[in-house]
N, C-alpha and C. Protein backbone atom coordinates (compact mmCIF):
# COMPACT_ATOMS: atom_id res chain seq x y z
N MET A 1 -3.45 -13.79 -21.44
CA MET A 1 -4.67 -13.22 -20.89
C MET A 1 -4.96 -13.78 -19.49
N MET A 2 -4.71 -15.08 -19.34
CA MET A 2 -4.95 -15.71 -18.05
C MET A 2 -4.01 -15.16 -16.98
N SER A 3 -2.77 -14.85 -17.38
CA SER A 3 -1.83 -14.29 -16.41
C SER A 3 -2.26 -12.90 -15.96
N LEU A 4 -2.88 -12.14 -16.86
CA LEU A 4 -3.39 -10.82 -16.48
C LEU A 4 -4.52 -10.95 -15.46
N VAL A 5 -5.41 -11.90 -15.66
CA VAL A 5 -6.51 -12.12 -14.73
C VAL A 5 -5.96 -12.55 -13.37
N LEU A 6 -4.98 -13.46 -13.38
CA LEU A 6 -4.38 -13.91 -12.13
C LEU A 6 -3.66 -12.78 -11.41
N LEU A 7 -2.96 -11.93 -12.17
CA LEU A 7 -2.27 -10.79 -11.57
C LEU A 7 -3.26 -9.84 -10.92
N LEU A 8 -4.34 -9.51 -11.63
CA LEU A 8 -5.33 -8.60 -11.09
C LEU A 8 -6.03 -9.19 -9.87
N ALA A 9 -6.30 -10.50 -9.89
CA ALA A 9 -6.92 -11.16 -8.74
C ALA A 9 -5.97 -11.14 -7.54
N GLY A 10 -4.70 -11.41 -7.80
CA GLY A 10 -3.71 -11.36 -6.72
C GLY A 10 -3.58 -9.98 -6.14
N LEU A 11 -3.58 -8.97 -7.01
CA LEU A 11 -3.50 -7.58 -6.55
C LEU A 11 -4.72 -7.22 -5.71
N ALA A 12 -5.90 -7.67 -6.13
CA ALA A 12 -7.11 -7.39 -5.37
C ALA A 12 -7.05 -8.04 -3.99
N VAL A 13 -6.57 -9.26 -3.91
CA VAL A 13 -6.43 -9.94 -2.62
C VAL A 13 -5.43 -9.20 -1.75
N PHE A 14 -4.31 -8.77 -2.34
CA PHE A 14 -3.26 -8.06 -1.61
C PHE A 14 -3.79 -6.75 -1.02
N VAL A 15 -4.52 -5.99 -1.81
CA VAL A 15 -5.07 -4.72 -1.34
C VAL A 15 -6.13 -4.97 -0.28
N THR A 16 -6.95 -6.02 -0.44
CA THR A 16 -7.97 -6.35 0.55
C THR A 16 -7.35 -6.69 1.89
N VAL A 17 -6.29 -7.48 1.89
CA VAL A 17 -5.61 -7.82 3.13
C VAL A 17 -5.03 -6.57 3.79
N ALA A 18 -4.42 -5.70 2.98
CA ALA A 18 -3.84 -4.48 3.52
C ALA A 18 -4.91 -3.59 4.15
N VAL A 19 -6.07 -3.46 3.50
CA VAL A 19 -7.14 -2.63 4.03
C VAL A 19 -7.71 -3.24 5.32
N LYS A 20 -7.88 -4.56 5.35
CA LYS A 20 -8.39 -5.20 6.57
C LYS A 20 -7.43 -5.02 7.74
N LEU A 21 -6.13 -5.16 7.49
CA LEU A 21 -5.16 -4.96 8.56
C LEU A 21 -5.16 -3.51 9.04
N ARG A 22 -5.33 -2.58 8.11
CA ARG A 22 -5.38 -1.17 8.49
C ARG A 22 -6.64 -0.87 9.30
N MET A 23 -7.76 -1.50 8.95
CA MET A 23 -8.99 -1.32 9.71
C MET A 23 -8.82 -1.85 11.12
N ARG A 24 -8.19 -3.01 11.27
CA ARG A 24 -7.94 -3.58 12.60
C ARG A 24 -7.02 -2.67 13.41
N SER A 25 -6.02 -2.11 12.74
CA SER A 25 -5.10 -1.20 13.41
C SER A 25 -5.83 0.04 13.90
N ASN A 26 -6.76 0.54 13.10
CA ASN A 26 -7.53 1.73 13.49
C ASN A 26 -8.40 1.45 14.71
N LEU A 27 -8.92 0.25 14.83
CA LEU A 27 -9.76 -0.07 15.99
C LEU A 27 -8.95 -0.03 17.27
N TYR A 28 -7.68 -0.41 17.21
CA TYR A 28 -6.83 -0.36 18.39
C TYR A 28 -6.50 1.08 18.79
N ARG A 29 -6.37 1.96 17.80
CA ARG A 29 -5.95 3.32 18.08
C ARG A 29 -7.07 4.24 18.54
N GLN A 30 -8.28 4.01 18.11
CA GLN A 30 -9.36 4.94 18.40
C GLN A 30 -10.30 4.37 19.44
N GLU A 31 -10.67 5.21 20.36
CA GLU A 31 -11.61 4.79 21.39
C GLU A 31 -13.05 5.02 20.95
N GLN A 32 -13.27 5.99 20.10
CA GLN A 32 -14.63 6.28 19.64
C GLN A 32 -14.94 5.45 18.40
N ALA A 33 -16.20 5.23 18.16
CA ALA A 33 -16.62 4.44 17.01
C ALA A 33 -16.43 5.26 15.73
N VAL A 34 -15.92 4.59 14.71
CA VAL A 34 -15.72 5.23 13.42
C VAL A 34 -16.94 4.92 12.56
N SER A 35 -17.46 5.92 11.89
CA SER A 35 -18.68 5.70 11.12
C SER A 35 -18.47 4.70 9.99
N SER A 36 -17.31 4.71 9.36
CA SER A 36 -17.04 3.77 8.28
C SER A 36 -15.57 3.37 8.31
N PRO A 37 -15.25 2.23 8.91
CA PRO A 37 -13.85 1.80 8.98
C PRO A 37 -13.24 1.55 7.60
N LEU A 38 -14.05 1.08 6.66
CA LEU A 38 -13.53 0.82 5.32
C LEU A 38 -13.11 2.11 4.63
N SER A 39 -13.94 3.15 4.72
CA SER A 39 -13.59 4.42 4.07
C SER A 39 -12.37 5.05 4.74
N GLU A 40 -12.29 4.90 6.06
CA GLU A 40 -11.13 5.42 6.79
C GLU A 40 -9.85 4.71 6.35
N ALA A 41 -9.91 3.39 6.23
CA ALA A 41 -8.73 2.61 5.84
C ALA A 41 -8.33 2.90 4.40
N MET A 42 -9.31 3.01 3.51
CA MET A 42 -9.00 3.31 2.10
C MET A 42 -8.40 4.71 1.97
N GLY A 43 -8.94 5.66 2.71
CA GLY A 43 -8.40 7.02 2.68
C GLY A 43 -6.96 7.06 3.18
N GLN A 44 -6.67 6.30 4.23
CA GLN A 44 -5.31 6.24 4.74
C GLN A 44 -4.37 5.58 3.74
N LEU A 45 -4.84 4.50 3.10
CA LEU A 45 -4.01 3.80 2.12
C LEU A 45 -3.66 4.71 0.95
N VAL A 46 -4.65 5.42 0.44
CA VAL A 46 -4.41 6.34 -0.67
C VAL A 46 -3.54 7.51 -0.22
N GLY A 47 -3.76 8.01 0.99
CA GLY A 47 -2.95 9.12 1.50
C GLY A 47 -1.50 8.73 1.68
N ILE A 48 -1.27 7.55 2.24
CA ILE A 48 0.11 7.09 2.43
C ILE A 48 0.78 6.85 1.09
N ALA A 49 0.04 6.23 0.15
CA ALA A 49 0.61 5.99 -1.18
C ALA A 49 0.94 7.32 -1.87
N GLY A 50 0.09 8.32 -1.69
CA GLY A 50 0.36 9.63 -2.28
C GLY A 50 1.59 10.29 -1.68
N GLY A 51 1.75 10.16 -0.37
CA GLY A 51 2.94 10.71 0.28
C GLY A 51 4.21 10.01 -0.17
N ILE A 52 4.14 8.69 -0.30
CA ILE A 52 5.29 7.93 -0.78
C ILE A 52 5.61 8.33 -2.22
N TYR A 53 4.57 8.49 -3.04
CA TYR A 53 4.78 8.87 -4.44
C TYR A 53 5.47 10.24 -4.54
N LEU A 54 5.00 11.20 -3.77
CA LEU A 54 5.63 12.53 -3.80
C LEU A 54 7.08 12.46 -3.34
N SER A 55 7.33 11.66 -2.31
CA SER A 55 8.71 11.50 -1.82
C SER A 55 9.60 10.86 -2.88
N LEU A 56 9.08 9.86 -3.57
CA LEU A 56 9.87 9.22 -4.63
C LEU A 56 10.14 10.17 -5.79
N VAL A 57 9.14 10.96 -6.15
CA VAL A 57 9.32 11.93 -7.24
C VAL A 57 10.39 12.96 -6.86
N MET A 58 10.35 13.46 -5.61
CA MET A 58 11.35 14.43 -5.17
C MET A 58 12.74 13.79 -5.11
N LEU A 59 12.83 12.55 -4.66
CA LEU A 59 14.11 11.85 -4.58
C LEU A 59 14.70 11.65 -5.96
N VAL A 60 13.88 11.21 -6.90
CA VAL A 60 14.36 10.99 -8.27
C VAL A 60 14.79 12.31 -8.89
N SER A 61 14.03 13.37 -8.64
CA SER A 61 14.39 14.68 -9.16
C SER A 61 15.68 15.19 -8.54
N PHE A 62 15.83 15.02 -7.23
CA PHE A 62 17.03 15.47 -6.53
C PHE A 62 18.27 14.73 -7.03
N LEU A 63 18.13 13.43 -7.23
CA LEU A 63 19.27 12.65 -7.69
C LEU A 63 19.54 12.79 -9.18
N GLY A 64 18.61 13.42 -9.90
CA GLY A 64 18.80 13.63 -11.33
C GLY A 64 18.64 12.36 -12.15
N MET A 65 17.89 11.44 -11.62
CA MET A 65 17.68 10.17 -12.32
C MET A 65 16.59 10.34 -13.36
N GLU A 66 16.62 9.48 -14.36
CA GLU A 66 15.59 9.47 -15.40
C GLU A 66 14.90 8.11 -15.38
N PRO A 67 13.89 7.95 -14.51
CA PRO A 67 13.18 6.66 -14.51
C PRO A 67 12.33 6.55 -15.78
N PRO A 68 11.98 5.35 -16.16
CA PRO A 68 11.11 5.21 -17.33
C PRO A 68 9.75 5.86 -17.06
N GLN A 69 9.21 6.52 -18.07
CA GLN A 69 7.92 7.19 -17.89
C GLN A 69 6.81 6.18 -17.67
N LYS A 70 6.83 5.11 -18.44
CA LYS A 70 5.84 4.05 -18.32
C LYS A 70 6.56 2.72 -18.52
N ILE A 71 6.06 1.71 -17.83
CA ILE A 71 6.57 0.37 -18.07
C ILE A 71 5.41 -0.47 -18.58
N CYS A 72 5.72 -1.36 -19.50
CA CYS A 72 4.71 -2.23 -20.07
C CYS A 72 4.76 -3.56 -19.33
N PHE A 73 3.67 -3.89 -18.67
CA PHE A 73 3.58 -5.14 -17.92
C PHE A 73 2.26 -5.80 -18.26
N LEU A 74 2.32 -6.95 -18.93
CA LEU A 74 1.14 -7.69 -19.35
C LEU A 74 0.16 -6.80 -20.13
N ASP A 75 0.68 -6.11 -21.12
CA ASP A 75 -0.11 -5.23 -21.99
C ASP A 75 -0.75 -4.05 -21.28
N MET A 76 -0.19 -3.66 -20.13
CA MET A 76 -0.67 -2.47 -19.42
C MET A 76 0.49 -1.50 -19.30
N LEU A 77 0.23 -0.21 -19.50
CA LEU A 77 1.24 0.82 -19.29
C LEU A 77 1.07 1.37 -17.87
N LEU A 78 2.12 1.25 -17.08
CA LEU A 78 2.06 1.67 -15.68
C LEU A 78 3.16 2.66 -15.36
N ASP A 79 2.86 3.59 -14.47
CA ASP A 79 3.86 4.51 -13.95
C ASP A 79 4.64 3.76 -12.87
N PRO A 80 5.95 3.57 -13.05
CA PRO A 80 6.69 2.76 -12.08
C PRO A 80 6.72 3.35 -10.67
N LEU A 81 6.78 4.66 -10.53
CA LEU A 81 6.79 5.27 -9.20
C LEU A 81 5.44 5.12 -8.49
N ALA A 82 4.36 5.25 -9.24
CA ALA A 82 3.03 5.08 -8.65
C ALA A 82 2.83 3.62 -8.24
N LEU A 83 3.27 2.70 -9.07
CA LEU A 83 3.14 1.29 -8.74
C LEU A 83 3.95 0.94 -7.49
N LEU A 84 5.16 1.47 -7.41
CA LEU A 84 6.00 1.23 -6.23
C LEU A 84 5.38 1.84 -4.97
N SER A 85 4.79 3.02 -5.09
CA SER A 85 4.21 3.66 -3.92
C SER A 85 2.98 2.90 -3.42
N ILE A 86 2.15 2.39 -4.31
CA ILE A 86 1.00 1.58 -3.89
C ILE A 86 1.47 0.30 -3.24
N LEU A 87 2.50 -0.32 -3.82
CA LEU A 87 3.04 -1.56 -3.25
C LEU A 87 3.58 -1.32 -1.84
N LEU A 88 4.33 -0.25 -1.65
CA LEU A 88 4.87 0.06 -0.32
C LEU A 88 3.77 0.41 0.68
N ALA A 89 2.75 1.11 0.23
CA ALA A 89 1.63 1.45 1.12
C ALA A 89 0.87 0.20 1.53
N CYS A 90 0.77 -0.78 0.64
CA CYS A 90 0.10 -2.04 0.99
C CYS A 90 0.96 -2.89 1.92
N LEU A 91 2.27 -2.81 1.78
CA LEU A 91 3.17 -3.59 2.63
C LEU A 91 3.31 -3.00 4.03
N GLN A 92 3.04 -1.72 4.20
CA GLN A 92 3.24 -1.05 5.48
C GLN A 92 2.43 -1.66 6.62
N PRO A 93 1.13 -1.96 6.46
CA PRO A 93 0.42 -2.56 7.58
C PRO A 93 0.91 -3.97 7.91
N LEU A 94 1.38 -4.70 6.89
CA LEU A 94 1.95 -6.02 7.15
C LEU A 94 3.22 -5.90 7.97
N GLY A 95 4.04 -4.91 7.65
CA GLY A 95 5.26 -4.67 8.41
C GLY A 95 4.96 -4.23 9.84
N MET A 96 3.95 -3.40 10.00
CA MET A 96 3.56 -2.97 11.35
C MET A 96 3.04 -4.14 12.18
N LEU A 97 2.29 -5.04 11.55
CA LEU A 97 1.80 -6.22 12.25
C LEU A 97 2.96 -7.10 12.68
N ALA A 98 3.91 -7.31 11.80
CA ALA A 98 5.08 -8.13 12.14
C ALA A 98 5.88 -7.48 13.26
N LEU A 99 6.08 -6.17 13.18
CA LEU A 99 6.82 -5.46 14.22
C LEU A 99 6.10 -5.53 15.57
N ARG A 100 4.79 -5.38 15.54
CA ARG A 100 4.01 -5.45 16.78
C ARG A 100 4.12 -6.83 17.42
N ARG A 101 4.09 -7.87 16.58
CA ARG A 101 4.22 -9.24 17.11
C ARG A 101 5.60 -9.51 17.64
N ILE A 102 6.61 -8.98 16.98
CA ILE A 102 7.98 -9.17 17.47
C ILE A 102 8.18 -8.47 18.80
N LEU A 103 7.68 -7.24 18.90
CA LEU A 103 7.87 -6.47 20.13
C LEU A 103 7.04 -7.00 21.30
N SER A 104 5.90 -7.64 20.99
CA SER A 104 5.08 -8.17 22.08
C SER A 104 5.45 -9.59 22.44
N GLY A 105 6.45 -10.14 21.83
CA GLY A 105 6.90 -11.48 22.18
C GLY A 105 6.15 -12.59 21.47
N GLY A 106 5.61 -12.32 20.30
CA GLY A 106 4.95 -13.34 19.51
C GLY A 106 3.46 -13.46 19.70
N GLY A 107 2.89 -12.79 20.66
CA GLY A 107 1.44 -12.86 20.89
C GLY A 107 0.72 -11.80 20.10
N LYS A 108 -0.62 -11.76 20.25
CA LYS A 108 -1.40 -10.70 19.58
C LYS A 108 -1.17 -9.44 20.29
C-alpha cells in the first residue's frame, strides 16, 4: 500500500514538473498574455498524449502486434499504450529543455 502511495506521489510530481516546464515554454513562444497558462499547458499535455496514443495504436495495428489489453501494476489495471503515451508526453518538455540548453551552449 505504501508503494502505491509513493508511486502516485511520484507521478504527481512528475506531471507537475512537466506542466510547469510547458507553461514556461509557452511564455517564450507567445507575445500576448494567456488568460490561463495552466489550462493551456494541461490542454497541450493531454493533446500530445492523445496524439502519441493514436500513433501507437496505429503502429501496433499496422505491425499486427498483440499488446496486453491491461497490465496489473500495484493492484491497478492500466492500458499499457495509454500509460506509455502519458509518460512520453511528460518527458517531451524535459527533452526540449535539454535540447535548448545544449544548443544554446549551456545557458538559459
